[in-house]
Every structure is written in structure tokens, then in C-alpha cells.
C-alpha atoms as a PDB file:
ATOM      1  CA  MET A   1     -88.015  -0.534 -24.761  1.00  0.00           C
ATOM      2  CA  LYS A   2     -88.085   3.199 -25.323  1.00  0.00           C
ATOM      3  CA  LYS A   3     -85.765   3.668 -22.361  1.00  0.00           C
ATOM      4  CA  SER A   4     -83.262   1.165 -23.793  1.00  0.00           C
ATOM      5  CA  LEU A   5     -83.388   2.870 -27.209  1.00  0.00           C
ATOM      6  CA  SER A   6     -82.762   6.230 -25.533  1.00  0.00           C
ATOM      7  CA  VAL A   7     -79.694   4.841 -23.729  1.00  0.00           C
ATOM      8  CA  VAL A   8     -78.305   3.384 -26.973  1.00  0.00           C
ATOM      9  CA  ILE A   9     -78.785   6.683 -28.810  1.00  0.00           C
ATOM     10  CA  THR A  10     -77.154   8.608 -25.968  1.00  0.00           C
ATOM     11  CA  LEU A  11     -74.234   6.158 -25.973  1.00  0.00           C
ATOM     12  CA  PHE A  12     -73.726   6.557 -29.720  1.00  0.00           C
ATOM     13  CA  LEU A  13     -73.833  10.343 -29.391  1.00  0.00           C
ATOM     14  CA  MET A  14     -71.205  10.252 -26.643  1.00  0.00           C
ATOM     15  CA  ILE A  15     -68.978   7.978 -28.731  1.00  0.00           C
ATOM     16  CA  GLY A  16     -69.370  10.367 -31.654  1.00  0.00           C
ATOM     17  CA  ILE A  17     -68.417  13.380 -29.536  1.00  0.00           C
ATOM     18  CA  VAL A  18     -65.327  11.595 -28.141  1.00  0.00           C
ATOM     19  CA  ALA A  19     -64.268  10.446 -31.619  1.00  0.00           C
ATOM     20  CA  THR A  20     -64.630  14.000 -32.947  1.00  0.00           C
ATOM     21  CA  CYS A  21     -62.508  15.406 -30.089  1.00  0.00           C
ATOM     22  CA  VAL A  22     -59.823  12.785 -30.665  1.00  0.00           C
ATOM     23  CA  CYS A  23     -59.826  13.545 -34.368  1.00  0.00           C
ATOM     24  CA  TRP A  24     -59.473  17.296 -33.823  1.00  0.00           C
ATOM     25  CA  TYR A  25     -56.746  16.753 -31.183  1.00  0.00           C
ATOM     26  CA  THR A  26     -54.794  14.532 -33.587  1.00  0.00           C
ATOM     27  CA  ILE A  27     -55.029  17.092 -36.382  1.00  0.00           C
ATOM     28  CA  ALA A  28     -54.029  19.965 -34.079  1.00  0.00           C
ATOM     29  CA  THR A  29     -51.085  18.023 -32.656  1.00  0.00           C
ATOM     30  CA  LYS A  30     -49.929  17.042 -36.133  1.00  0.00           C
ATOM     31  CA  ASP A  31     -50.149  20.674 -37.280  1.00  0.00           C
ATOM     32  CA  ALA A  32     -48.221  21.858 -34.233  1.00  0.00           C
ATOM     33  CA  LYS A  33     -45.493  19.279 -34.781  1.00  0.00           C
ATOM     34  CA  SER A  34     -45.382  20.165 -38.454  1.00  0.00           C
ATOM     35  CA  SER A  35     -45.074  23.855 -37.552  1.00  0.00           C
ATOM     36  CA  ASP A  36     -42.325  23.134 -35.014  1.00  0.00           C
ATOM     37  CA  SER A  37     -40.514  21.055 -37.592  1.00  0.00           C
ATOM     38  CA  GLU A  38     -40.772  23.817 -40.161  1.00  0.00           C
ATOM     39  CA  ASN A  39     -39.495  26.383 -37.642  1.00  0.00           C
ATOM     40  CA  SER A  40     -36.631  24.072 -36.730  1.00  0.00           C
ATOM     41  CA  ASN A  41     -35.736  23.571 -40.369  1.00  0.00           C
ATOM     42  CA  THR A  42     -35.761  27.301 -41.035  1.00  0.00           C
ATOM     43  CA  GLU A  43     -33.426  28.163 -38.154  1.00  0.00           C
ATOM     44  CA  VAL A  44     -30.332  29.866 -39.506  1.00  0.00           C
ATOM     45  CA  LYS A  45     -27.201  28.092 -38.326  1.00  0.00           C
ATOM     46  CA  ASN A  46     -23.823  29.737 -38.725  1.00  0.00           C
ATOM     47  CA  GLU A  47     -21.719  28.217 -41.451  1.00  0.00           C
ATOM     48  CA  PRO A  48     -18.144  27.317 -40.487  1.00  0.00           C
ATOM     49  CA  ILE A  49     -15.623  30.020 -41.371  1.00  0.00           C
ATOM     50  CA  PHE A  50     -12.456  27.978 -40.890  1.00  0.00           C
ATOM     51  CA  THR A  51     -11.216  24.416 -40.952  1.00  0.00           C
ATOM     52  CA  LEU A  52      -8.836  22.983 -38.394  1.00  0.00           C
ATOM     53  CA  GLU A  53      -6.120  23.209 -41.046  1.00  0.00           C
ATOM     54  CA  ASN A  54      -6.423  26.970 -41.673  1.00  0.00           C
ATOM     55  CA  TYR A  55      -7.495  28.077 -38.186  1.00  0.00           C
ATOM     56  CA  PRO A  56      -4.911  30.513 -36.757  1.00  0.00           C
ATOM     57  CA  LYS A  57      -2.909  29.460 -33.705  1.00  0.00           C
ATOM     58  CA  VAL A  58      -4.466  31.413 -30.843  1.00  0.00           C
ATOM     59  CA  ASP A  59      -3.196  31.919 -27.305  1.00  0.00           C
ATOM     60  CA  ALA A  60      -4.916  33.792 -24.487  1.00  0.00           C
ATOM     61  CA  SER A  61      -4.691  35.090 -20.952  1.00  0.00           C
ATOM     62  CA  LEU A  62      -6.022  32.608 -18.413  1.00  0.00           C
ATOM     63  CA  ALA A  63      -9.240  34.552 -17.830  1.00  0.00           C
ATOM     64  CA  ILE A  64     -10.065  34.436 -21.554  1.00  0.00           C
ATOM     65  CA  HIS A  65      -9.493  30.715 -22.230  1.00  0.00           C
ATOM     66  CA  PRO A  66     -13.236  29.843 -22.192  1.00  0.00           C
ATOM     67  CA  LEU A  67     -14.001  32.649 -24.630  1.00  0.00           C
ATOM     68  CA  VAL A  68     -11.407  31.626 -27.218  1.00  0.00           C
ATOM     69  CA  ASP A  69     -12.774  28.081 -27.037  1.00  0.00           C
ATOM     70  CA  SER A  70     -16.306  29.377 -27.662  1.00  0.00           C
ATOM     71  CA  ILE A  71     -15.059  31.420 -30.613  1.00  0.00           C
ATOM     72  CA  ALA A  72     -13.215  28.426 -32.060  1.00  0.00           C
ATOM     73  CA  ALA A  73     -16.258  26.151 -31.740  1.00  0.00           C
ATOM     74  CA  ASP A  74     -18.474  28.685 -33.530  1.00  0.00           C
ATOM     75  CA  PHE A  75     -15.992  29.544 -36.273  1.00  0.00           C
ATOM     76  CA  LEU A  76     -15.125  25.871 -36.913  1.00  0.00           C
ATOM     77  CA  GLY A  77     -18.693  24.599 -36.574  1.00  0.00           C
ATOM     78  CA  ILE A  78     -17.785  21.859 -34.072  1.00  0.00           C
ATOM     79  CA  PRO A  79     -18.647  21.260 -30.385  1.00  0.00           C
ATOM     80  CA  GLU A  80     -16.234  22.638 -27.797  1.00  0.00           C
ATOM     81  CA  SER A  81     -15.765  19.074 -26.528  1.00  0.00           C
ATOM     82  CA  GLU A  82     -13.965  18.265 -29.788  1.00  0.00           C
ATOM     83  CA  LEU A  83     -11.445  21.079 -29.405  1.00  0.00           C
ATOM     84  CA  ASN A  84      -7.960  20.209 -28.269  1.00  0.00           C
ATOM     85  CA  PHE A  85      -6.208  23.571 -28.194  1.00  0.00           C
ATOM     86  CA  LYS A  86      -3.549  24.339 -25.613  1.00  0.00           C
ATOM     87  CA  TYR A  87      -3.218  27.778 -24.061  1.00  0.00           C
ATOM     88  CA  THR A  88      -0.658  29.378 -21.791  1.00  0.00           C
ATOM     89  CA  LYS A  89      -1.714  28.938 -18.168  1.00  0.00           C
ATOM     90  CA  THR A  90       0.720  31.257 -16.465  1.00  0.00           C
ATOM     91  CA  ARG A  91       1.349  34.975 -16.804  1.00  0.00           C
ATOM     92  CA  THR A  92      -0.069  37.241 -19.507  1.00  0.00           C
ATOM     93  CA  SER A  93       3.530  38.261 -20.267  1.00  0.00           C
ATOM     94  CA  ASP A  94       4.217  34.687 -21.393  1.00  0.00           C
ATOM     95  CA  VAL A  95       1.309  34.954 -23.836  1.00  0.00           C
ATOM     96  CA  TYR A  96       2.722  38.198 -25.285  1.00  0.00           C
ATOM     97  CA  GLN A  97       6.137  36.561 -25.528  1.00  0.00           C
ATOM     98  CA  ASN A  98       4.655  33.645 -27.504  1.00  0.00           C
ATOM     99  CA  LEU A  99       3.275  36.096 -30.058  1.00  0.00           C
ATOM    100  CA  ILE A 100       6.423  38.207 -30.253  1.00  0.00           C
ATOM    101  CA  ASP A 101       8.599  35.094 -30.670  1.00  0.00           C
ATOM    102  CA  GLY A 102       6.296  33.780 -33.422  1.00  0.00           C
ATOM    103  CA  THR A 103       5.132  30.707 -31.478  1.00  0.00           C
ATOM    104  CA  VAL A 104       1.476  31.693 -31.999  1.00  0.00           C
ATOM    105  CA  ASP A 105      -0.362  33.798 -34.607  1.00  0.00           C
ATOM    106  CA  VAL A 106      -2.737  35.922 -32.526  1.00  0.00           C
ATOM    107  CA  ILE A 107      -3.542  36.407 -28.846  1.00  0.00           C
ATOM    108  CA  PHE A 108      -6.582  37.477 -26.812  1.00  0.00           C
ATOM    109  CA  VAL A 109      -5.209  39.085 -23.675  1.00  0.00           C
ATOM    110  CA  ALA A 110      -5.276  41.639 -20.902  1.00  0.00           C
ATOM    111  CA  GLU A 111      -3.395  44.918 -21.155  1.00  0.00           C
ATOM    112  CA  ALA A 112       0.284  44.704 -22.092  1.00  0.00           C
ATOM    113  CA  SER A 113       2.768  45.627 -19.389  1.00  0.00           C
ATOM    114  CA  GLN A 114       5.627  48.009 -20.041  1.00  0.00           C
ATOM    115  CA  GLU A 115       7.946  44.992 -19.994  1.00  0.00           C
ATOM    116  CA  ASP A 116       5.878  43.327 -22.753  1.00  0.00           C
ATOM    117  CA  LEU A 117       6.119  46.403 -24.962  1.00  0.00           C
ATOM    118  CA  GLU A 118       9.851  46.709 -24.325  1.00  0.00           C
ATOM    119  CA  TYR A 119      10.348  43.039 -25.198  1.00  0.00           C
ATOM    120  CA  ALA A 120       8.517  43.542 -28.501  1.00  0.00           C
ATOM    121  CA  GLN A 121      10.675  46.558 -29.271  1.00  0.00           C
ATOM    122  CA  SER A 122      13.854  44.620 -28.468  1.00  0.00           C
ATOM    123  CA  LYS A 123      12.804  41.975 -31.004  1.00  0.00           C
ATOM    124  CA  GLY A 124      11.888  44.544 -33.651  1.00  0.00           C
ATOM    125  CA  VAL A 125       8.219  43.507 -33.559  1.00  0.00           C
ATOM    126  CA  GLU A 126       5.363  45.996 -33.955  1.00  0.00           C
ATOM    127  CA  LEU A 127       2.087  44.940 -32.380  1.00  0.00           C
ATOM    128  CA  GLU A 128      -1.459  45.637 -33.528  1.00  0.00           C
ATOM    129  CA  ILE A 129      -3.544  45.967 -30.342  1.00  0.00           C
ATOM    130  CA  ILE A 130      -7.343  46.082 -30.699  1.00  0.00           C
ATOM    131  CA  PRO A 131      -9.898  46.250 -27.839  1.00  0.00           C
ATOM    132  CA  ALA A 132     -12.446  43.441 -28.241  1.00  0.00           C
ATOM    133  CA  THR A 133     -14.279  43.021 -24.933  1.00  0.00           C
ATOM    134  CA  SER A 134     -15.291  45.242 -22.052  1.00  0.00           C
ATOM    135  CA  SER A 135     -14.526  44.273 -18.497  1.00  0.00           C
ATOM    136  CA  ALA A 136     -14.150  45.542 -14.987  1.00  0.00           C
ATOM    137  CA  PHE A 137     -11.207  45.192 -12.664  1.00  0.00           C
ATOM    138  CA  VAL A 138     -12.761  44.051  -9.402  1.00  0.00           C
ATOM    139  CA  PHE A 139     -11.879  43.511  -5.764  1.00  0.00           C
ATOM    140  CA  ILE A 140     -13.093  40.425  -3.975  1.00  0.00           C
ATOM    141  CA  VAL A 141     -13.588  39.465  -0.333  1.00  0.00           C
ATOM    142  CA  ASN A 142     -15.108  36.522   1.466  1.00  0.00           C
ATOM    143  CA  THR A 143     -18.883  36.520   1.928  1.00  0.00           C
ATOM    144  CA  LYS A 144     -18.274  36.460   5.695  1.00  0.00           C
ATOM    145  CA  ASN A 145     -16.842  39.960   5.424  1.00  0.00           C
ATOM    146  CA  PRO A 146     -19.545  42.563   6.231  1.00  0.00           C
ATOM    147  CA  VAL A 147     -17.835  45.176   4.040  1.00  0.00           C
ATOM    148  CA  LYS A 148     -19.748  45.427   0.753  1.00  0.00           C
ATOM    149  CA  GLU A 149     -17.969  48.347  -0.904  1.00  0.00           C
ATOM    150  CA  LEU A 150     -14.875  50.536  -0.695  1.00  0.00           C
ATOM    151  CA  THR A 151     -13.883  53.845  -2.187  1.00  0.00           C
ATOM    152  CA  LEU A 152     -11.051  53.803  -4.673  1.00  0.00           C
ATOM    153  CA  ASP A 153      -8.980  55.840  -2.237  1.00  0.00           C
ATOM    154  CA  GLU A 154      -9.557  53.210   0.479  1.00  0.00           C
ATOM    155  CA  VAL A 155      -8.373  50.480  -1.882  1.00  0.00           C
ATOM    156  CA  ILE A 156      -5.221  52.450  -2.661  1.00  0.00           C
ATOM    157  CA  GLN A 157      -4.516  53.008   1.029  1.00  0.00           C
ATOM    158  CA  ILE A 158      -5.021  49.309   1.783  1.00  0.00           C
ATOM    159  CA  TYR A 159      -2.455  48.386  -0.862  1.00  0.00           C
ATOM    160  CA  GLN A 160      -0.091  51.091   0.361  1.00  0.00           C
ATOM    161  CA  GLY A 161      -0.250  49.622   3.848  1.00  0.00           C
ATOM    162  CA  LYS A 162      -1.877  52.735   5.315  1.00  0.00           C
ATOM    163  CA  ILE A 163      -5.204  51.056   6.115  1.00  0.00           C
ATOM    164  CA  THR A 164      -4.478  47.780   7.887  1.00  0.00           C
ATOM    165  CA  ASN A 165      -7.653  46.891   9.795  1.00  0.00           C
ATOM    166  CA  TRP A 166     -11.148  46.241   8.432  1.00  0.00           C
ATOM    167  CA  LYS A 167     -12.708  48.356  11.195  1.00  0.00           C
ATOM    168  CA  GLU A 168     -11.161  51.419   9.486  1.00  0.00           C
ATOM    169  CA  VAL A 169     -13.488  50.856   6.503  1.00  0.00           C
ATOM    170  CA  GLY A 170     -16.634  49.793   8.360  1.00  0.00           C
ATOM    171  CA  GLY A 171     -15.786  46.148   8.979  1.00  0.00           C
ATOM    172  CA  GLU A 172     -14.845  44.069  11.970  1.00  0.00           C
ATOM    173  CA  ASP A 173     -11.736  44.484  14.113  1.00  0.00           C
ATOM    174  CA  ALA A 174      -9.487  42.242  12.022  1.00  0.00           C
ATOM    175  CA  GLU A 175      -6.211  42.648  10.164  1.00  0.00           C
ATOM    176  CA  ILE A 176      -6.565  43.143   6.405  1.00  0.00           C
ATOM    177  CA  ILE A 177      -4.621  40.560   4.402  1.00  0.00           C
ATOM    178  CA  PRO A 178      -4.182  41.988   0.870  1.00  0.00           C
ATOM    179  CA  TYR A 179      -3.242  39.425  -1.779  1.00  0.00           C
ATOM    180  CA  GLN A 180      -1.345  40.347  -4.941  1.00  0.00           C
ATOM    181  CA  ARG A 181      -0.387  38.741  -8.253  1.00  0.00           C
ATOM    182  CA  PRO A 182       3.162  38.505  -9.604  1.00  0.00           C
ATOM    183  CA  ASN A 183       4.603  41.165 -11.910  1.00  0.00           C
ATOM    184  CA  GLY A 184       3.911  40.357 -15.548  1.00  0.00           C
ATOM    185  CA  SER A 185       0.443  38.951 -14.875  1.00  0.00           C
ATOM    186  CA  GLY A 186      -2.407  40.802 -16.544  1.00  0.00           C
ATOM    187  CA  SER A 187      -4.169  41.559 -13.294  1.00  0.00           C
ATOM    188  CA  GLN A 188      -1.019  42.948 -11.680  1.00  0.00           C
ATOM    189  CA  THR A 189      -0.495  45.202 -14.700  1.00  0.00           C
ATOM    190  CA  ALA A 190      -4.101  46.409 -14.350  1.00  0.00           C
ATOM    191  CA  MET A 191      -3.633  46.937 -10.607  1.00  0.00           C
ATOM    192  CA  LEU A 192      -0.667  49.215 -11.275  1.00  0.00           C
ATOM    193  CA  SER A 193      -2.140  51.108 -14.241  1.00  0.00           C
ATOM    194  CA  LEU A 194      -5.821  51.374 -13.253  1.00  0.00           C
ATOM    195  CA  VAL A 195      -5.659  51.602  -9.470  1.00  0.00           C
ATOM    196  CA  MET A 196      -2.269  52.592  -8.103  1.00  0.00           C
ATOM    197  CA  LYS A 197      -1.150  54.770 -11.035  1.00  0.00           C
ATOM    198  CA  ASP A 198       1.462  57.095  -9.504  1.00  0.00           C
ATOM    199  CA  GLU A 199       1.047  55.640  -6.013  1.00  0.00           C
ATOM    200  CA  THR A 200       3.485  53.084  -4.615  1.00  0.00           C
ATOM    201  CA  LEU A 201       2.214  49.532  -4.191  1.00  0.00           C
ATOM    202  CA  MET A 202       3.554  47.995  -1.005  1.00  0.00           C
ATOM    203  CA  SER A 203       5.698  44.873  -1.187  1.00  0.00           C
ATOM    204  CA  ALA A 204       3.676  41.787  -0.322  1.00  0.00           C
ATOM    205  CA  PRO A 205       4.931  38.835   1.729  1.00  0.00           C
ATOM    206  CA  LYS A 206       5.728  35.906  -0.556  1.00  0.00           C
ATOM    207  CA  MET A 207       2.799  33.872   0.824  1.00  0.00           C
ATOM    208  CA  GLN A 208       0.442  36.641  -0.290  1.00  0.00           C
ATOM    209  CA  ILE A 209       1.578  36.647  -3.940  1.00  0.00           C
ATOM    210  CA  GLN A 210      -0.504  34.135  -5.859  1.00  0.00           C
ATOM    211  CA  LEU A 211       0.944  32.736  -9.095  1.00  0.00           C
ATOM    212  CA  GLU A 212      -2.390  31.630 -10.571  1.00  0.00           C
ATOM    213  CA  MET A 213      -5.577  33.687 -10.582  1.00  0.00           C
ATOM    214  CA  GLY A 214      -7.480  30.697  -9.237  1.00  0.00           C
ATOM    215  CA  GLU A 215      -5.045  30.446  -6.327  1.00  0.00           C
ATOM    216  CA  LEU A 216      -5.751  34.072  -5.419  1.00  0.00           C
ATOM    217  CA  ILE A 217      -9.489  33.475  -5.458  1.00  0.00           C
ATOM    218  CA  ASP A 218      -9.056  30.283  -3.443  1.00  0.00           C
ATOM    219  CA  ALA A 219      -6.976  32.240  -0.944  1.00  0.00           C
ATOM    220  CA  VAL A 220      -9.798  34.704  -0.401  1.00  0.00           C
ATOM    221  CA  ALA A 221     -12.461  32.009  -0.431  1.00  0.00           C
ATOM    222  CA  GLU A 222     -11.016  29.088   1.474  1.00  0.00           C
ATOM    223  CA  TYR A 223      -7.857  29.794   3.490  1.00  0.00           C
ATOM    224  CA  ASP A 224      -8.091  29.994   7.276  1.00  0.00           C
ATOM    225  CA  ASN A 225      -7.629  33.761   7.018  1.00  0.00           C
ATOM    226  CA  ALA A 226     -10.328  34.010   4.353  1.00  0.00           C
ATOM    227  CA  ALA A 227     -12.574  36.386   6.272  1.00  0.00           C
ATOM    228  CA  ASN A 228      -9.702  38.896   6.481  1.00  0.00           C
ATOM    229  CA  ALA A 229      -8.449  38.655   2.897  1.00  0.00           C
ATOM    230  CA  ILE A 230      -8.890  40.909  -0.124  1.00  0.00           C
ATOM    231  CA  GLY A 231      -7.764  40.239  -3.668  1.00  0.00           C
ATOM    232  CA  TYR A 232      -8.367  41.414  -7.223  1.00  0.00           C
ATOM    233  CA  THR A 233      -9.245  39.920 -10.552  1.00  0.00           C
ATOM    234  CA  TYR A 234     -11.290  40.566 -13.705  1.00  0.00           C
ATOM    235  CA  TYR A 235     -15.077  40.555 -13.652  1.00  0.00           C
ATOM    236  CA  TYR A 236     -15.367  37.986 -16.437  1.00  0.00           C
ATOM    237  CA  TYR A 237     -12.984  35.597 -14.661  1.00  0.00           C
ATOM    238  CA  VAL A 238     -14.656  35.539 -11.262  1.00  0.00           C
ATOM    239  CA  ASN A 239     -18.133  35.744 -12.812  1.00  0.00           C
ATOM    240  CA  THR A 240     -17.807  33.043 -15.485  1.00  0.00           C
ATOM    241  CA  MET A 241     -14.697  30.902 -15.245  1.00  0.00           C
ATOM    242  CA  TYR A 242     -13.971  30.612 -11.551  1.00  0.00           C
ATOM    243  CA  ARG A 243     -17.174  31.244  -9.661  1.00  0.00           C
ATOM    244  CA  LYS A 244     -17.167  30.662  -5.918  1.00  0.00           C
ATOM    245  CA  ASP A 245     -20.191  30.902  -3.648  1.00  0.00           C
ATOM    246  CA  THR A 246     -17.890  32.110  -0.863  1.00  0.00           C
ATOM    247  CA  ILE A 247     -16.736  35.160  -2.848  1.00  0.00           C
ATOM    248  CA  GLN A 248     -18.385  38.569  -3.104  1.00  0.00           C
ATOM    249  CA  ILE A 249     -17.354  41.379  -5.424  1.00  0.00           C
ATOM    250  CA  LEU A 250     -17.020  44.768  -3.775  1.00  0.00           C
ATOM    251  CA  GLY A 251     -18.633  47.901  -5.115  1.00  0.00           C
ATOM    252  CA  ILE A 252     -16.206  50.760  -5.783  1.00  0.00           C
ATOM    253  CA  ASN A 253     -17.283  54.355  -5.115  1.00  0.00           C
ATOM    254  CA  GLY A 254     -20.828  53.090  -4.592  1.00  0.00           C
ATOM    255  CA  ILE A 255     -21.073  51.310  -7.968  1.00  0.00           C
ATOM    256  CA  GLN A 256     -21.327  47.548  -8.297  1.00  0.00           C
ATOM    257  CA  PRO A 257     -19.745  46.002 -11.414  1.00  0.00           C
ATOM    258  CA  THR A 258     -22.468  44.580 -13.679  1.00  0.00           C
ATOM    259  CA  ILE A 259     -22.781  44.157 -17.435  1.00  0.00           C
ATOM    260  CA  GLU A 260     -24.734  47.439 -17.522  1.00  0.00           C
ATOM    261  CA  THR A 261     -22.300  49.479 -15.385  1.00  0.00           C
ATOM    262  CA  ILE A 262     -19.336  48.082 -17.305  1.00  0.00           C
ATOM    263  CA  GLN A 263     -20.810  48.949 -20.695  1.00  0.00           C
ATOM    264  CA  ASP A 264     -22.023  52.417 -19.721  1.00  0.00           C
ATOM    265  CA  GLY A 265     -18.727  53.228 -17.996  1.00  0.00           C
ATOM    266  CA  SER A 266     -20.225  54.105 -14.609  1.00  0.00           C
ATOM    267  CA  TYR A 267     -18.155  51.469 -12.818  1.00  0.00           C
ATOM    268  CA  PRO A 268     -14.844  53.303 -12.287  1.00  0.00           C
ATOM    269  CA  LEU A 269     -12.325  50.520 -12.973  1.00  0.00           C
ATOM    270  CA  TYR A 270     -13.072  49.818 -16.615  1.00  0.00           C
ATOM    271  CA  THR A 271     -10.685  47.842 -18.795  1.00  0.00           C
ATOM    272  CA  ASN A 272     -10.661  45.737 -21.958  1.00  0.00           C
ATOM    273  CA  GLY A 273      -9.710  42.378 -23.332  1.00  0.00           C
ATOM    274  CA  TYR A 274      -7.464  42.907 -26.363  1.00  0.00           C
ATOM    275  CA  ILE A 275      -6.796  41.056 -29.588  1.00  0.00           C
ATOM    276  CA  VAL A 276      -3.114  41.411 -30.463  1.00  0.00           C
ATOM    277  CA  PHE A 277      -1.203  40.314 -33.549  1.00  0.00           C
ATOM    278  CA  ARG A 278       1.925  41.337 -35.429  1.00  0.00           C
ATOM    279  CA  LYS A 279       1.568  44.375 -37.680  1.00  0.00           C
ATOM    280  CA  ASP A 280       3.403  42.626 -40.510  1.00  0.00           C
ATOM    281  CA  GLU A 281       0.586  40.063 -40.754  1.00  0.00           C
ATOM    282  CA  PRO A 282      -0.428  39.847 -44.476  1.00  0.00           C
ATOM    283  CA  GLU A 283      -3.666  41.604 -45.408  1.00  0.00           C
ATOM    284  CA  ASN A 284      -5.575  38.476 -46.468  1.00  0.00           C
ATOM    285  CA  SER A 285      -4.223  36.123 -43.822  1.00  0.00           C
ATOM    286  CA  SER A 286      -6.341  33.818 -41.702  1.00  0.00           C
ATOM    287  CA  VAL A 287      -5.313  35.900 -38.671  1.00  0.00           C
ATOM    288  CA  ARG A 288      -6.824  39.111 -40.047  1.00  0.00           C
ATOM    289  CA  LYS A 289      -9.905  37.182 -41.169  1.00  0.00           C
ATOM    290  CA  TRP A 290     -10.254  35.755 -37.641  1.00  0.00           C
ATOM    291  CA  VAL A 291      -9.917  39.203 -36.082  1.00  0.00           C
ATOM    292  CA  ASP A 292     -12.554  40.662 -38.411  1.00  0.00           C
ATOM    293  CA  TYR A 293     -15.034  37.937 -37.501  1.00  0.00           C
ATOM    294  CA  VAL A 294     -14.425  38.285 -33.749  1.00  0.00           C
ATOM    295  CA  LEU A 295     -15.201  41.997 -34.076  1.00  0.00           C
ATOM    296  CA  SER A 296     -18.293  41.340 -36.246  1.00  0.00           C
ATOM    297  CA  GLU A 297     -21.879  40.952 -35.059  1.00  0.00           C
ATOM    298  CA  ARG A 298     -21.402  37.185 -35.137  1.00  0.00           C
ATOM    299  CA  GLY A 299     -18.381  37.535 -32.860  1.00  0.00           C
ATOM    300  CA  ARG A 300     -20.261  39.849 -30.488  1.00  0.00           C
ATOM    301  CA  LYS A 301     -22.976  37.230 -30.086  1.00  0.00           C
ATOM    302  CA  VAL A 302     -20.397  34.558 -29.270  1.00  0.00           C
ATOM    303  CA  ILE A 303     -18.758  36.860 -26.715  1.00  0.00           C
ATOM    304  CA  GLU A 304     -22.084  37.598 -25.029  1.00  0.00           C
ATOM    305  CA  ALA A 305     -23.245  33.965 -25.090  1.00  0.00           C
ATOM    306  CA  ALA A 306     -19.973  32.924 -23.423  1.00  0.00           C
ATOM    307  CA  GLY A 307     -20.724  35.230 -20.491  1.00  0.00           C
ATOM    308  CA  TYR A 308     -18.316  38.013 -21.405  1.00  0.00           C
ATOM    309  CA  VAL A 309     -19.169  41.623 -22.179  1.00  0.00           C
ATOM    310  CA  PRO A 310     -18.830  42.744 -25.814  1.00  0.00           C
ATOM    311  CA  LEU A 311     -17.827  46.291 -26.588  1.00  0.00           C
ATOM    312  CA  LYS A 312     -20.776  48.642 -26.562  1.00  0.00           C
ATOM    313  CA  ALA A 313     -22.127  48.979 -30.110  1.00  0.00           C
ATOM    314  CA  ASP A 314     -21.733  52.428 -31.679  1.00  0.00           C
END
């Protein structure tokens, strides 16, 4: 009898302990959920700055299309999937022409070519050109290529036609096939101004001039001659918009392009993405408001979140 009573008491004690644990677990879980809910409710979400009706008409260089979509989604307070903007898909010069001709209000682009500036002058249009992102001009080869870096002088000599075989720069005994972009494209303008400067760029066979940036990257990545090819592009394009697991970016003068080396200026081929609009734009226009917000801390966060490199903060 005593043994049975002892078992009953023990059983009741165990039930009590379990019930207490369940009770405490329920309270703790409820508190945690309540805390999470409170934290969620106190998150600061950006208020929309524009409506679709007063949002400026923006165009952009091909490499910057994803960024202008990210900016629009943030400034309008809607998902990117609901955007239906159309951007120029060809040369950067066409984007500048759209602005100069008044087809669009503001553009986010690569460096203007001399032809772009002359066209603006011929139309009596003054341009406001403001750097808004940092980037690197990079050279790309196939991952099969054992060459991991070149000096700037070696790059120049390759594109002059003086270095014609990869074994001359530490690679295999294979002809170098250097791809180019057409004149008027942002990357070709950068190639001439940042790399070649006063040196003469050799004429490329027609098959080695790629009209679209993606075609150039595909040429290096996938063509039969891929292991021999070299091309050039912008860091943010090959790193965010058109990534290929068969592409490697070459170091230049021993420095690899990264967000850190771009921002601190140690990578030698530094460039910018520019916001450009007409100087006669009214002071309180939606265009100037848009520009101010892109250059603000809110805009910097959008730029960084989109995988681009904002200008280094002062």
C-alpha cells in the first residue's frame, strides 16, 4: 500500500514538473513572439518619394539598368517586379543623345565620349555631369587561361598588336584574341581614355567587335576560341548583371579589383558612373529632386544593396 502511494505521489510530482515547464515555455515563446512583433512594427521603412506620375523619365547605360530599377523601386515604394520602364539597350552614346534631344529627363551613364559632348554643343545643350558611383574598368579572360594578372603596359601592347601570344605574358603558347566594343559605347570610351590615352588602339577584325556588352562576355566565356580571348567591361556589370562562372577578372599591376580597392583608389583603372541632366533643368524639378536623393545616404544604401559601389563618403 505504501509502495502504491509512493508511486502515485511520484507520478503527481512528475506531472506537476512537466506542467510547469510547459507553462514557462509557453510564456517565454509568447514573449519572444511579442518582442519580434514589436521589433517588426518598429522597423523604419522608407516612405515613397515619388509617384509614377511625377517620377522623372530615366535612361541608363546597359551596365546600370539594374541599379536604376532598384532606385525606382525604393523611391516609388513598389516592388521591382511592378516596374515597366524601358531603357536604351545599345550604345551609351544613344543614351546621351536621348537626353540631349529631350526624349528623357535624366540619365545614369558611363563617361561621355568626345562625340557625345560635341553633339550636345551642336544642339546648344549644356550638360550637368555628376559622379554618383565608383567602378573599375576591368579585363576579363576565360577561367581556363592560366594568366591571372597583367601590367597596364602589357594590356596596352596587346591592344596595339605588339604582344600577340599568351606565352609572352606568362601564359600558354596560344594566339591572343583581343575583343573590342564599338565606338560610342561607354566601355570603348573608357578603353580609349583610361587605358590607351595617347597610344593607338589597333583596328579589330569585325568579328572581334561586339555590339552588346553581354556578347563580348559571351565571346570570352563560350566561343571556341574562349581560352585565347581577352575583353573588357565594367566591374559592376560583370560582377552583378552578367556573371559567368567561366570568366575571371584579371588583376592589373598586381591589384585585383574589389569594392575595397575601387573605393580606396589602389586599383589603377578607376572610373565612375555619372548622373547627367540638362543644366537648364528648373531648380525645384522632379529631376533635381531625384538627383539629390540618389546622392543622399538613402541613395547610397540603394546603390550598395544593388551590388554597385557608392562613392566613398567624405
